[in-house]
């Protein structure tokens, strides 16, 4: 038998249960004998505490088999402690929660004419046939998986041999594109927090401009420059300082070389195409770069905070689109589309 209780525990009131009367060595359930029991660990929520007792019972009356045996009423004693102020605690009077009686149907598992313990029923021919079918099916599946694993191993060996035969150009990359884009996102979030706290400044606009140039480089499918950064405390204008590498992270300075003039040239080349979505994205990035460039290098001391807020929002939106393009599946689709476009141009010629 399992007894589960939930009591109230809040800052204003606490229910204190006398659990000493619920221990297996104390509690009785006639006509059952308590052989033992366990008390599990308590569980807590914001305003409740749950505790549970498990009792092992044995029927000691021989004339109860085949009948309904009632479990006696169980009384749970408790008090309510109320808190007044921060230190004063009021003790309530003793109260009792009465759990109603429940009946248990006790059935005899041994017939009256049994002279010995009977063995359990054995498996039938149908059960044996089903188990044999499942075993054969698993053997077939395992064989197929082993064959596939062997083919993959052969393919890996062939790739490795081909790599050793062909001369490769070693390129050292200090940081991955995904790490750069995550760092750009953190930088834009930090710029937004500082803008909300103290408004726009030329230095803050310069930080946003450096991050936006990196986003524009990815939008134009250009390389992003990166190199080891200097020691901590040394500021590098126009560059974003990120940490990459394991186990000891290295400081990497990341920068983009895209300017509003570069975007203007790209927009001119896209004017003859029908890719309106990419054209609008590049135009928005151009406006955002112009706003941050004017804020950092302009002569006007008063900054147009509305235009800078809009430019920051454009940068966040462009970052989402660029991060989507950097997904492996999207890269494969873009490569396939580029190859299809080249084939179409060749056929048209």
Protein backbone atom coordinates (compact mmCIF):
# COMPACT_ATOMS: atom_id res chain seq x y z
CA UNK A 1 0.00 0.00 0.00
CA UNK A 2 1.27 3.47 -0.93
CA UNK A 3 0.29 6.60 1.02
CA UNK A 4 0.94 9.94 -0.70
CA UNK A 5 0.31 13.31 0.98
CA UNK A 6 0.65 16.93 -0.11
CA UNK A 7 1.02 19.71 2.49
CA UNK A 8 1.03 23.47 2.12
CA UNK A 9 4.33 25.33 2.61
CA UNK A 10 4.28 29.06 1.89
CA UNK A 11 5.73 32.18 3.49
CA UNK A 12 2.40 32.89 5.20
CA UNK A 13 1.42 29.42 6.43
CA UNK A 14 3.02 25.99 6.79
CA UNK A 15 1.32 22.67 7.51
CA UNK A 16 3.32 20.49 9.92
CA UNK A 17 2.37 16.79 9.79
CA UNK A 18 3.16 14.40 12.64
CA UNK A 19 4.98 11.87 10.44
CA UNK A 20 6.16 9.83 13.41
CA UNK A 21 2.72 8.17 13.48
CA UNK A 22 3.04 7.19 9.80
CA UNK A 23 6.23 5.15 10.16
CA UNK A 24 5.92 1.44 9.16
CA UNK A 25 6.90 0.36 12.68
CA UNK A 26 4.03 2.40 14.20
CA UNK A 27 1.09 2.37 11.80
CA UNK A 28 -1.28 -0.64 11.84
CA UNK A 29 -3.78 -1.85 9.24
CA UNK A 30 -5.76 -4.69 10.83
CA UNK A 31 -6.46 -7.40 9.63
CA UNK A 32 -3.19 -6.84 7.77
CA UNK A 33 0.23 -7.07 9.35
CA UNK A 34 2.80 -4.43 8.39
CA UNK A 35 5.98 -6.28 7.45
CA UNK A 36 7.98 -3.18 6.66
CA UNK A 37 8.07 -0.16 4.44
CA UNK A 38 10.04 2.71 3.00
CA UNK A 39 9.86 6.50 3.06
CA UNK A 40 10.98 8.10 -0.20
CA UNK A 41 12.58 11.49 -0.63
CA UNK A 42 10.22 14.47 -0.44
CA UNK A 43 9.31 16.45 -3.55
CA UNK A 44 8.68 20.21 -3.48
CA UNK A 45 7.00 22.78 -5.67
CA UNK A 46 6.54 26.49 -5.10
CA UNK A 47 3.84 26.06 -2.44
CA UNK A 48 3.56 22.30 -1.80
CA UNK A 49 5.63 19.51 -0.26
CA UNK A 50 4.85 15.92 -1.22
CA UNK A 51 5.87 12.94 0.89
CA UNK A 52 5.15 9.26 0.38
CA UNK A 53 5.23 6.03 2.42
CA UNK A 54 5.18 2.51 0.99
CA UNK A 55 3.96 -0.31 3.26
CA UNK A 56 4.35 -4.06 2.74
CA UNK A 57 1.27 -5.79 4.12
CA UNK A 58 0.39 -9.43 4.83
CA UNK A 59 -3.09 -10.75 5.51
CA UNK A 60 -3.14 -12.60 8.83
CA UNK A 61 -6.81 -13.70 8.76
CA UNK A 62 -7.37 -17.06 7.06
CA UNK A 63 -11.09 -16.60 6.41
CA UNK A 64 -10.76 -13.54 4.18
CA UNK A 65 -9.78 -15.16 0.85
CA UNK A 66 -12.33 -14.50 -1.83
CA UNK A 67 -13.86 -11.64 0.16
CA UNK A 68 -13.62 -7.87 0.38
CA UNK A 69 -11.19 -6.97 3.17
CA UNK A 70 -11.58 -3.34 4.35
CA UNK A 71 -8.50 -1.28 5.15
CA UNK A 72 -9.16 0.69 8.36
CA UNK A 73 -9.49 4.45 8.56
CA UNK A 74 -6.15 6.25 8.60
CA UNK A 75 -5.79 9.37 10.72
CA UNK A 76 -3.16 11.97 9.87
CA UNK A 77 -2.45 14.55 12.58
CA UNK A 78 -1.19 18.00 11.62
CA UNK A 79 -0.90 21.61 12.75
CA UNK A 80 -0.94 24.88 10.86
CA UNK A 81 1.82 27.40 11.60
CA UNK A 82 0.97 30.95 10.58
CA UNK A 83 3.62 33.66 10.27
CA UNK A 84 2.96 37.21 11.42
CA UNK A 85 5.65 39.62 10.32
CA UNK A 86 9.15 38.31 9.68
CA UNK A 87 9.96 36.50 12.93
CA UNK A 88 6.68 35.86 14.78
CA UNK A 89 5.16 32.38 14.24
CA UNK A 90 1.76 31.26 15.58
CA UNK A 91 1.17 27.57 16.32
CA UNK A 92 -2.32 26.29 15.50
CA UNK A 93 -4.27 23.62 17.32
CA UNK A 94 -3.98 19.91 16.56
CA UNK A 95 -6.13 18.81 13.65
CA UNK A 96 -6.84 15.44 12.06
CA UNK A 97 -7.34 14.46 8.46
CA UNK A 98 -9.34 11.22 8.18
CA UNK A 99 -8.75 9.07 5.14
CA UNK A 100 -11.85 6.94 4.41
CA UNK A 101 -11.69 3.17 4.53
CA UNK A 102 -11.10 1.24 1.32
CA UNK A 103 -11.71 -2.39 0.50
CA UNK A 104 -9.32 -4.87 -1.09
CA UNK A 105 -10.46 -8.01 -2.89
CA UNK A 106 -8.21 -10.89 -1.79
CA UNK A 107 -8.20 -13.88 -4.16
CA UNK A 108 -6.64 -17.28 -3.66
CA UNK A 109 -4.18 -18.20 -6.40
CA UNK A 110 -3.98 -21.89 -5.37
CA UNK A 111 -7.01 -24.19 -5.84
CA UNK A 112 -8.32 -26.14 -2.88
CA UNK A 113 -7.35 -29.53 -4.41
CA UNK A 114 -3.75 -28.49 -5.19
CA UNK A 115 -1.12 -30.59 -3.47
CA UNK A 116 1.98 -28.82 -4.82
CA UNK A 117 3.06 -25.55 -6.42
CA UNK A 118 2.19 -25.58 -10.13
CA UNK A 119 4.62 -24.41 -12.79
CA UNK A 120 3.79 -21.48 -15.01
CA UNK A 121 2.43 -22.14 -18.49
CA UNK A 122 5.11 -22.84 -21.11
CA UNK A 123 5.42 -21.08 -24.47
CA UNK A 124 3.29 -22.45 -27.30
CA UNK A 125 4.45 -23.31 -30.81
CA UNK A 126 3.00 -20.01 -32.07
CA UNK A 127 5.13 -18.05 -29.60
CA UNK A 128 8.24 -19.97 -30.61
CA UNK A 129 7.51 -19.38 -34.31
CA UNK A 130 7.08 -15.62 -33.76
CA UNK A 131 10.34 -15.40 -31.83
CA UNK A 132 12.17 -17.28 -34.58
CA UNK A 133 10.74 -14.91 -37.21
CA UNK A 134 11.88 -11.84 -35.23
CA UNK A 135 15.34 -13.38 -34.77
CA UNK A 136 15.70 -14.00 -38.51
CA UNK A 137 14.50 -10.48 -39.27
CA UNK A 138 17.09 -8.98 -36.91
CA UNK A 139 19.81 -11.11 -38.51
CA UNK A 140 18.88 -9.79 -41.97
CA UNK A 141 18.82 -6.19 -40.75
CA UNK A 142 22.16 -6.62 -39.01
CA UNK A 143 23.72 -8.10 -42.16
CA UNK A 144 22.48 -5.18 -44.28
CA UNK A 145 23.86 -2.66 -41.77
CA UNK A 146 27.24 -4.41 -41.73
CA UNK A 147 27.37 -4.32 -45.53
CA UNK A 148 26.55 -0.60 -45.54
CA UNK A 149 29.22 0.03 -42.93
CA UNK A 150 31.75 -1.84 -45.09
CA UNK A 151 30.84 0.23 -48.15
CA UNK A 152 31.23 3.47 -46.16
CA UNK A 153 34.62 2.30 -44.89
CA UNK A 154 35.76 1.58 -48.46
CA UNK A 155 34.53 5.02 -49.54
CA UNK A 156 36.48 6.70 -46.73
CA UNK A 157 39.65 4.82 -47.68
CA UNK A 158 39.24 5.85 -51.34
CA UNK A 159 38.76 9.49 -50.33
CA UNK A 160 41.88 9.40 -48.16
CA UNK A 161 43.98 7.85 -50.91
CA UNK A 162 42.71 10.41 -53.43
CA UNK A 163 43.59 13.22 -51.04
CA UNK A 164 47.16 11.95 -50.69
CA UNK A 165 47.56 11.66 -54.45
CA UNK A 166 46.36 15.19 -55.25
CA UNK A 167 48.38 18.22 -54.13
CA UNK A 168 46.38 20.28 -51.70
CA UNK A 169 46.64 23.91 -50.86
CA UNK A 170 46.86 24.37 -47.12
CA UNK A 171 44.76 27.24 -45.87
CA UNK A 172 44.86 28.26 -42.25
CA UNK A 173 41.56 29.45 -40.85
CA UNK A 174 41.63 30.77 -37.33
CA UNK A 175 37.86 31.00 -36.83
CA UNK A 176 34.75 29.54 -38.45
CA UNK A 177 31.93 31.44 -40.10
CA UNK A 178 29.38 30.27 -37.53
CA UNK A 179 31.57 31.55 -34.68
CA UNK A 180 31.97 34.90 -36.43
CA UNK A 181 28.23 35.31 -36.97
CA UNK A 182 27.48 34.38 -33.35
CA UNK A 183 30.01 36.98 -32.22
CA UNK A 184 28.41 39.59 -34.50
CA UNK A 185 25.03 38.81 -32.96
CA UNK A 186 26.42 39.26 -29.44
CA UNK A 187 28.05 42.55 -30.48
CA UNK A 188 24.79 43.94 -31.91
CA UNK A 189 22.95 42.89 -28.74
CA UNK A 190 25.57 44.67 -26.60
CA UNK A 191 25.27 47.80 -28.77
CA UNK A 192 21.50 47.78 -28.32
CA UNK A 193 21.82 47.47 -24.53
CA UNK A 194 24.28 50.38 -24.29
CA UNK A 195 22.11 52.46 -26.61
CA UNK A 196 19.08 51.89 -24.35
CA UNK A 197 21.13 52.84 -21.29
CA UNK A 198 22.89 55.98 -22.51
CA UNK A 199 21.92 56.76 -26.09
CA UNK A 200 24.00 56.79 -29.25
CA UNK A 201 27.61 57.97 -29.30
CA UNK A 202 30.17 58.06 -32.15
CA UNK A 203 32.12 55.23 -30.51
CA UNK A 204 28.98 53.09 -30.18
CA UNK A 205 28.09 53.80 -33.82
CA UNK A 206 31.63 52.69 -34.79
CA UNK A 207 31.13 49.35 -33.07
CA UNK A 208 27.85 48.83 -34.90
CA UNK A 209 29.52 49.85 -38.19
CA UNK A 210 32.27 47.23 -37.76
CA UNK A 211 29.68 44.50 -37.14
CA UNK A 212 27.55 45.66 -40.08
CA UNK A 213 30.51 45.56 -42.47
CA UNK A 214 31.04 41.91 -41.60
CA UNK A 215 27.35 41.18 -42.27
CA UNK A 216 27.57 42.98 -45.62
CA UNK A 217 30.64 40.91 -46.57
CA UNK A 218 28.71 37.68 -45.96
CA UNK A 219 25.72 39.09 -47.86
CA UNK A 220 28.00 39.67 -50.90
CA UNK A 221 29.67 36.23 -50.47
CA UNK A 222 33.03 37.89 -49.83
CA UNK A 223 35.80 36.79 -47.52
CA UNK A 224 35.90 38.22 -44.03
CA UNK A 225 39.35 39.25 -42.84
CA UNK A 226 40.62 37.79 -39.57
CA UNK A 227 43.96 37.82 -37.81
CA UNK A 228 45.32 37.34 -34.27
CA UNK A 229 44.35 40.27 -32.08
CA UNK A 230 46.57 42.16 -29.72
CA UNK A 231 46.63 41.85 -25.96
CA UNK A 232 43.57 42.60 -23.87
CA UNK A 233 42.92 46.28 -23.33
CA UNK A 234 44.16 47.32 -26.78
CA UNK A 235 41.28 48.64 -28.89
CA UNK A 236 41.25 48.05 -32.63
CA UNK A 237 38.89 50.41 -34.44
CA UNK A 238 36.88 48.87 -37.25
CA UNK A 239 37.48 45.31 -36.04
CA UNK A 240 35.45 42.94 -33.93
CA UNK A 241 37.44 41.05 -31.28
CA UNK A 242 36.24 37.44 -30.83
CA UNK A 243 37.55 34.43 -28.92
CA UNK A 244 37.96 31.07 -30.65
CA UNK A 245 39.89 27.86 -30.16
CA UNK A 246 39.98 25.09 -27.57
CA UNK A 247 40.94 24.58 -24.80
CA UNK A 248 42.47 28.04 -24.39
CA UNK A 249 40.60 30.55 -26.50
CA UNK A 250 42.60 32.92 -28.71
CA UNK A 251 41.66 36.52 -29.44
CA UNK A 252 40.83 36.96 -33.14
CA UNK A 253 40.28 40.33 -34.83
CA UNK A 254 37.57 40.07 -37.51
CA UNK A 255 36.77 42.81 -40.02
CA UNK A 256 34.83 43.39 -43.21
CA UNK A 257 35.89 45.64 -46.10
CA UNK A 258 32.45 46.40 -47.58
CA UNK A 259 31.56 50.10 -47.81
CA UNK A 260 28.45 51.90 -49.07
CA UNK A 261 30.27 52.53 -52.37
CA UNK A 262 30.88 48.79 -52.84
CA UNK A 263 27.20 48.09 -52.22
CA UNK A 264 26.28 50.79 -54.73
CA UNK A 265 28.34 49.01 -57.42
CA UNK A 266 26.67 45.69 -56.57
CA UNK A 267 23.24 47.30 -56.79
CA UNK A 268 24.13 48.63 -60.24
CA UNK A 269 25.02 45.11 -61.39
CA UNK A 270 21.80 43.73 -59.92
CA UNK A 271 19.65 46.38 -61.61
CA UNK A 272 19.31 44.24 -64.76
CA UNK A 273 18.23 41.13 -62.86
CA UNK A 274 14.85 40.21 -61.47
CA UNK A 275 16.11 39.36 -57.96
CA UNK A 276 14.10 42.05 -56.18
CA UNK A 277 14.56 40.48 -52.74
CA UNK A 278 18.36 40.56 -52.88
CA UNK A 279 18.29 44.07 -54.35
CA UNK A 280 16.15 45.36 -51.46
CA UNK A 281 18.41 43.63 -48.92
CA UNK A 282 21.55 45.24 -50.34
CA UNK A 283 19.84 48.63 -50.56
CA UNK A 284 18.83 48.43 -46.89
CA UNK A 285 22.38 47.45 -45.92
CA UNK A 286 23.72 50.42 -47.91
CA UNK A 287 21.44 52.83 -46.05
CA UNK A 288 22.43 51.33 -42.70
CA UNK A 289 26.15 51.62 -43.50
CA UNK A 290 25.69 55.24 -44.58
CA UNK A 291 23.89 56.06 -41.31
CA UNK A 292 26.60 54.55 -39.09
CA UNK A 293 29.42 55.99 -41.22
CA UNK A 294 27.95 59.49 -40.93
CA UNK A 295 27.50 59.07 -37.18
CA UNK A 296 31.10 58.00 -36.64
CA UNK A 297 32.97 60.24 -39.06
CA UNK A 298 30.51 63.13 -39.57
CA UNK A 299 31.09 66.63 -38.30
CA UNK A 300 27.62 67.06 -36.82
CA UNK A 301 27.76 66.52 -33.04
CA UNK A 302 24.02 65.78 -32.84
CA UNK A 303 23.30 62.22 -33.94
CA UNK A 304 20.08 61.16 -35.65
CA UNK A 305 19.07 58.49 -33.14
CA UNK A 306 15.98 57.49 -35.11
CA UNK A 307 18.03 56.74 -38.23
CA UNK A 308 20.61 54.83 -36.17
CA UNK A 309 17.90 52.76 -34.47
CA UNK A 310 16.47 51.87 -37.87
CA UNK A 311 19.95 51.00 -39.17
CA UNK A 312 20.55 48.74 -36.17
CA UNK A 313 17.25 46.94 -36.82
CA UNK A 314 18.27 46.47 -40.47
CA UNK A 315 21.56 44.97 -39.33
CA UNK A 316 19.82 42.49 -37.00
CA UNK A 317 17.45 41.44 -39.79
CA UNK A 318 20.32 41.06 -42.27
CA UNK A 319 22.24 38.97 -39.74
CA UNK A 320 19.34 36.49 -39.56
CA UNK A 321 19.28 36.16 -43.34
CA UNK A 322 23.05 35.70 -43.53
CA UNK A 323 23.05 33.04 -40.79
CA UNK A 324 20.34 31.20 -42.70
CA UNK A 325 22.53 31.25 -45.83
CA UNK A 326 25.44 29.74 -43.89
CA UNK A 327 23.50 26.55 -43.08
CA UNK A 328 25.01 23.57 -44.88
CA UNK A 329 21.80 22.70 -46.74
CA UNK A 330 21.33 26.29 -47.94
CA UNK A 331 24.94 26.37 -49.16
CA UNK A 332 24.37 23.19 -51.17
CA UNK A 333 21.21 24.63 -52.71
CA UNK A 334 23.03 27.86 -53.63
CA UNK A 335 25.88 25.87 -55.24
CA UNK A 336 23.38 23.79 -57.22
CA UNK A 337 21.56 26.91 -58.41
CA UNK A 338 24.84 28.53 -59.46
CA UNK A 339 25.80 25.43 -61.46
CA UNK A 340 22.37 25.34 -63.10
CA UNK A 341 22.67 28.99 -64.09
CA UNK A 342 26.10 28.36 -65.69
CA UNK A 343 24.71 25.41 -67.66
CA UNK A 344 21.76 27.50 -68.88
CA UNK A 345 24.11 30.26 -70.08
CA UNK A 346 26.23 27.70 -71.91
CA UNK A 347 23.19 26.23 -73.67
CA UNK A 348 21.95 29.67 -74.65
CA UNK A 349 25.28 30.37 -76.35
